[in-house]
Amino acid sequence: MAKTKTVWYCTNCGNEYPQFLGRCPACGEWNTMKEMTVEPKKGAAGTKGVAKAVSTERKPLRLKEIDYSKEERINLGMPEVDRLLGGGMVPGSLVLIGGEPGIGKSTLSLQIPLCARELATLYVTGEESARQVKMRANRLSGSGNGGEVQDNISLYCETLIDNVIAEATESRPGLMIVDSVQTMYTESVDSAPGSVSQIKEVAAMLLRFAKETGVPVILIGHITKDGFIAGPKILEHIVDVVLQFEGENRGSYRILRSIKNRFGSTSEIAVFEMTGVGLREVANPSELLIPLHGEGLSGAAICASLDGTRPLLFEVQALVSSAVYGTAQRSATGFDYRRLNMLLAVLEKRAGFHLAAKDVFLNMAGGLKVSEPAADLAVVAAVLSSNFDFALPEDVCFAGEVGLSGEIRPVPQTDRRVAEAARLGFKKIYVSSFEKLPKVEGITVTKVADIPELVKKLFK
């Protein structure tokens, strides 16, 4: 009879080791080892019979012999989500959605089958009761105000993944939603739900079910206090698509970002507004991120950014004031703090602006997290505007990268940024002098070579 054994696993990456290690050799993290007792699965002995069964059922195929026909993607009834997935949901795919608590993960997962009325959905919940889910469904669908209750959703309150897969195999829904993967467990693993071993086994079982039956599965995942999806990193490797919510849960706007997508681009975002009846898709997010204040306010500049293939115009806000304490403060929300310090050093060294004794606060409006270098020019303009207490014109935007020598460098796909700015009614855009752009009707393209030239043209 096989005996139980004790292994040590890393809570960060999920790798297992026969003995305790202070530092995980795989991920390099310290003090992440946890002890776990592993019991052998029934019927594990006899590997020869298993190998023979597998070899008779599955054989290698030549790539040219595989019959490929383009499968029709499943329309989820939400155009922004379909676009984020690459044109709809692929049959047999496994999608993981993560985000802060209360940001809208469960709302989105229930709103998808409510919008796709013809899609038979099995909604598995391990966190809420059936009455709680029904209350939220009534609020999202408007049935509490006299609307009709949809009958395409089957609710299943269960945490044992073996029962979930058995029910899904029997009913064969068009879509299965599991909320959440951290609450599911299997009896074949001797550990608590949410542990590394349970998450790995549950995800593997769901992946096997999705690929064998062709039923797409949506997983809801928790995140850690650091903002990463909870559980081992192998969870994100197993699934086909990883979507993550961004934005402050106290605000009304949410950004759903594609982190991994085997069937489409990972450079796409979808913007939603949280309302009393669920998430509302925002087809044109630039209209929400441009100034919402009156005229004559200094320290604000518009950046013509590009997130994936979508042009996005948003407001960069800066506040420069005299340092109250001995050491000047630097604070950046939604922007890299180190890059802000670099831009301030360039302003002082190359343009002669003494900002070492002043506090500088920077904020990306709308809760955006910006990492694109094209925002450099707008950040510099906003900082100078606040320093001079000079309001920039509301019909001016910026798109350019700032180098260490103070030069303005070109950014990719500037023509798309210019076209989007012209469509939204902007009259002038500042770009690098190295750009070669065709004339666009309705907007003036002003080229600048470095920071001093920008100051002369902007604050003359």
Foldseek 3Di string as FASTA:
>chain_A
DDDKAKWKAFQAAGDIHRDDDQADPPPGDGPRIDIFIADDDPPPPDVPVVVVVVPVPDDDDDPVPDDDDDDDADDQQDVLVCVQQPNHHFFLAEEEEEEAPLQAPVLVVLVSCVRVLVFQEEEEEADDDPVVSVVLQCLQNVVVVVDDDGDSYHYHYDQELVVVLVVCVVVVTQEYEYHALQSHAYPNGPDHRNGQVRSVVSLVVSSVSRNVSRRYYYHYFYADPVTHTGYHPVSVVSGAWYWYWAFDSVAFKIKIFTPHHPNHDRQDIWMWGQDSNGTHTDPACQVVAADPDDPLFALKAWFFDQRRNDTHIHIKGKAKAFDPDDFAAFEEQLEDSVVVVLLVVLCCPQVNDDRRRIHMYIYTPPRHRDDDQQCSVRNNRSHVRNVVSGHFDSLEHEGFHADNNFFTHADPPVVVSVVVSQVVQRAEYEHAPPDDDDDDPRHHYHHDTGDVRCCVVGVD
